[in-house]
Amino acid sequence: MSVQFAPPSPSLVLKSEEIADAAAIEALLDRAFGPGRFVKSSERVREIADFAPELSFCAFDGEILLGTVRMWRVRVGGQAVTFLGPLAVDHEQRSAGVGGQLVQRACDAARAAGDAWVVLVGDPPYFERFGFSAVDATGVRMPGPVDQKRVLALRLQAGAPVPAGEFGPV
């Protein structure tokens, strides 16, 4: 499912994450989530996953980082999936569609790479508009406490079996 957004601002540029972006990304993540981000179950997944820079993107206005989305390769019950997160957008840009453009770009890149599923922990009303569903993630077990209704999955390849089980390394 592809969601259509208003054309981006002429000055907004989405590009693949680069090593040089790391400091700005960490600063944005700190502002968006605070120090509590390191104790979340999603962080436990990222600790065992392989970062996928080719599927991770940044939104810039000139030299200013406005948003970021990161993707990770991991397994759920032995099945390869892509884990989306974190997604962060500068507070002043949260209603401008930047986050939606980042999610769509990352999911399109994962689909083009042949990935079967994207899994995340997030706000259902926000992510359902991209086709994510809690129903497809009912068998996914996070490594720690989480509201299961916030565990969502998006099927990228027709016929791919629904992921079920615990997270594990690739």
Protein backbone atom coordinates (compact mmCIF):
# COMPACT_ATOMS: atom_id res chain seq x y z
CA MET A 1 0.00 0.00 0.00
CA SER A 2 1.46 3.34 -1.00
CA VAL A 3 0.24 6.51 0.70
CA GLN A 4 0.29 9.74 -1.27
CA PHE A 5 1.43 12.94 0.42
CA ALA A 6 1.42 16.53 -0.67
CA PRO A 7 4.56 17.37 -2.59
CA PRO A 8 7.45 18.05 -0.24
CA SER A 9 8.64 21.56 0.36
CA PRO A 10 11.10 22.47 -2.41
CA SER A 11 13.81 22.75 0.23
CA LEU A 12 13.11 19.33 1.82
CA VAL A 13 15.52 16.61 0.70
CA LEU A 14 15.27 12.95 1.69
CA LYS A 15 18.57 11.11 1.46
CA SER A 16 20.13 7.90 2.64
CA GLU A 17 21.66 8.09 6.10
CA GLU A 18 25.41 8.59 6.06
CA ILE A 19 28.02 8.19 8.79
CA ALA A 20 28.51 11.96 8.78
CA ASP A 21 24.86 12.35 9.90
CA ALA A 22 25.34 10.36 13.14
CA ALA A 23 25.86 13.28 15.56
CA ALA A 24 22.87 15.23 14.23
CA ILE A 25 20.70 12.08 14.31
CA GLU A 26 21.65 11.29 17.92
CA ALA A 27 20.89 14.89 18.94
CA LEU A 28 17.47 14.71 17.23
CA LEU A 29 16.71 11.34 18.87
CA ASP A 30 17.68 12.77 22.28
CA ARG A 31 15.34 15.75 21.76
CA ALA A 32 12.51 13.56 20.50
CA PHE A 33 12.67 10.70 23.02
CA GLY A 34 14.96 11.74 25.87
CA PRO A 35 17.16 9.36 27.81
CA GLY A 36 14.27 6.93 28.33
CA ARG A 37 14.65 5.73 24.76
CA PHE A 38 17.42 3.37 25.82
CA VAL A 39 15.20 1.31 28.15
CA LYS A 40 12.46 0.52 25.63
CA SER A 41 11.90 -2.96 24.21
CA SER A 42 12.61 -1.59 20.73
CA GLU A 43 16.14 -0.80 21.85
CA ARG A 44 16.61 -4.45 22.86
CA VAL A 45 15.67 -5.43 19.28
CA ARG A 46 18.17 -2.95 17.83
CA GLU A 47 20.90 -4.39 20.06
CA ILE A 48 20.64 -7.77 18.30
CA ALA A 49 19.73 -6.49 14.82
CA ASP A 50 21.94 -5.47 11.91
CA PHE A 51 21.60 -1.81 10.96
CA ALA A 52 20.40 -1.37 7.36
CA PRO A 53 21.79 1.99 6.22
CA GLU A 54 20.54 1.39 2.67
CA LEU A 55 16.97 1.44 4.06
CA SER A 56 17.49 4.33 6.53
CA PHE A 57 16.81 7.91 5.56
CA CYS A 58 17.18 11.50 6.73
CA ALA A 59 15.10 14.56 5.85
CA PHE A 60 17.07 17.78 5.47
CA ASP A 61 16.21 21.40 4.85
CA GLY A 62 19.54 22.66 3.62
CA GLU A 63 22.01 21.53 6.28
CA ILE A 64 19.33 21.21 8.99
CA LEU A 65 18.22 17.68 9.91
CA LEU A 66 14.42 17.65 10.23
CA GLY A 67 13.80 13.93 10.59
CA THR A 68 15.21 10.44 10.51
CA VAL A 69 14.01 6.87 10.13
CA ARG A 70 16.21 3.86 10.75
CA MET A 71 15.71 0.27 9.61
CA TRP A 72 17.26 -2.93 10.98
CA ARG A 73 17.53 -6.52 9.75
CA VAL A 74 16.48 -9.09 12.33
CA ARG A 75 14.54 -12.34 12.62
CA VAL A 76 11.20 -13.10 14.21
CA GLY A 77 10.85 -16.78 14.97
CA GLY A 78 13.55 -17.54 12.42
CA GLN A 79 11.92 -15.47 9.65
CA ALA A 80 13.81 -12.46 8.28
CA VAL A 81 12.01 -9.14 8.87
CA THR A 82 12.94 -5.49 8.79
CA PHE A 83 12.46 -3.54 12.01
CA LEU A 84 11.54 0.14 11.63
CA GLY A 85 12.63 2.57 14.30
CA PRO A 86 13.31 4.96 15.56
CA LEU A 87 11.35 7.49 13.54
CA ALA A 88 11.94 11.01 14.79
CA VAL A 89 10.97 14.41 13.44
CA ASP A 90 11.96 17.82 14.75
CA HIS A 91 9.18 19.10 17.02
CA GLU A 92 8.39 22.09 14.79
CA GLN A 93 7.99 19.84 11.71
CA ARG A 94 5.72 17.14 13.17
CA SER A 95 2.61 18.28 11.30
CA ALA A 96 4.38 18.93 7.99
CA GLY A 97 4.32 15.32 6.70
CA VAL A 98 8.06 14.77 7.10
CA GLY A 99 7.60 11.60 9.18
CA GLY A 100 5.15 10.15 6.69
CA GLN A 101 7.52 10.77 3.81
CA LEU A 102 10.34 9.07 5.73
CA VAL A 103 8.21 6.02 6.58
CA GLN A 104 7.04 5.69 2.99
CA ARG A 105 10.58 6.02 1.59
CA ALA A 106 11.96 3.43 4.03
CA CYS A 107 9.15 0.94 3.34
CA ASP A 108 9.46 1.44 -0.43
CA ALA A 109 13.21 0.79 -0.18
CA ALA A 110 12.60 -2.38 1.87
CA ARG A 111 10.05 -3.60 -0.69
CA ALA A 112 12.47 -2.89 -3.55
CA ALA A 113 15.17 -4.83 -1.67
CA GLY A 114 12.88 -7.87 -1.58
CA ASP A 115 12.09 -7.73 2.13
CA ALA A 116 8.86 -9.49 3.09
CA TRP A 117 7.80 -7.67 6.28
CA VAL A 118 8.43 -4.47 8.22
CA VAL A 119 7.69 -4.66 11.96
CA LEU A 120 7.63 -1.76 14.43
CA VAL A 121 6.32 -0.56 17.75
CA GLY A 122 4.28 2.59 17.32
CA ASP A 123 1.03 4.48 17.39
CA PRO A 124 -1.58 2.46 15.44
CA PRO A 125 -3.59 5.43 14.09
CA TYR A 126 -0.40 6.95 12.66
CA PHE A 127 1.07 3.80 11.10
CA GLU A 128 -2.18 2.16 9.93
CA ARG A 129 -2.40 4.75 7.14
CA PHE A 130 0.71 3.12 5.64
CA GLY A 131 -0.86 -0.34 5.83
CA PHE A 132 0.64 -1.49 9.15
CA SER A 133 -1.59 -3.78 11.21
CA ALA A 134 -1.59 -5.14 14.74
CA VAL A 135 -3.42 -8.23 13.45
CA ASP A 136 -0.39 -9.25 11.37
CA ALA A 137 1.86 -8.82 14.41
CA THR A 138 -0.11 -10.74 17.03
CA GLY A 139 2.48 -13.53 17.06
CA VAL A 140 5.50 -11.21 17.31
CA ARG A 141 7.06 -11.27 20.80
CA MET A 142 9.12 -8.28 21.87
CA PRO A 143 12.14 -8.75 24.17
CA GLY A 144 10.58 -6.99 27.12
CA PRO A 145 7.35 -5.32 28.17
CA VAL A 146 5.31 -3.64 25.46
CA ASP A 147 1.65 -2.96 24.73
CA GLN A 148 1.02 -5.68 22.12
CA LYS A 149 -1.53 -3.43 20.37
CA ARG A 150 1.40 -1.16 19.44
CA VAL A 151 3.37 -3.95 17.75
CA LEU A 152 2.53 -3.53 14.06
CA ALA A 153 3.55 -5.24 10.83
CA LEU A 154 3.38 -4.39 7.13
CA ARG A 155 3.46 -7.14 4.49
CA LEU A 156 5.69 -6.09 1.59
CA GLN A 157 5.62 -9.30 -0.46
CA ALA A 158 2.41 -11.11 -1.35
CA GLY A 159 2.21 -14.58 0.14
CA ALA A 160 4.92 -14.00 2.74
CA PRO A 161 4.07 -15.96 5.90
CA VAL A 162 3.03 -13.88 8.88
CA PRO A 163 5.96 -13.48 11.29
CA ALA A 164 5.58 -15.14 14.68
CA GLY A 165 7.92 -15.77 17.58
CA GLU A 166 10.67 -13.96 19.41
CA PHE A 167 13.22 -11.60 17.94
CA GLY A 168 16.66 -12.99 17.18
CA PRO A 169 19.76 -11.98 15.25
CA VAL A 170 20.03 -12.35 11.49
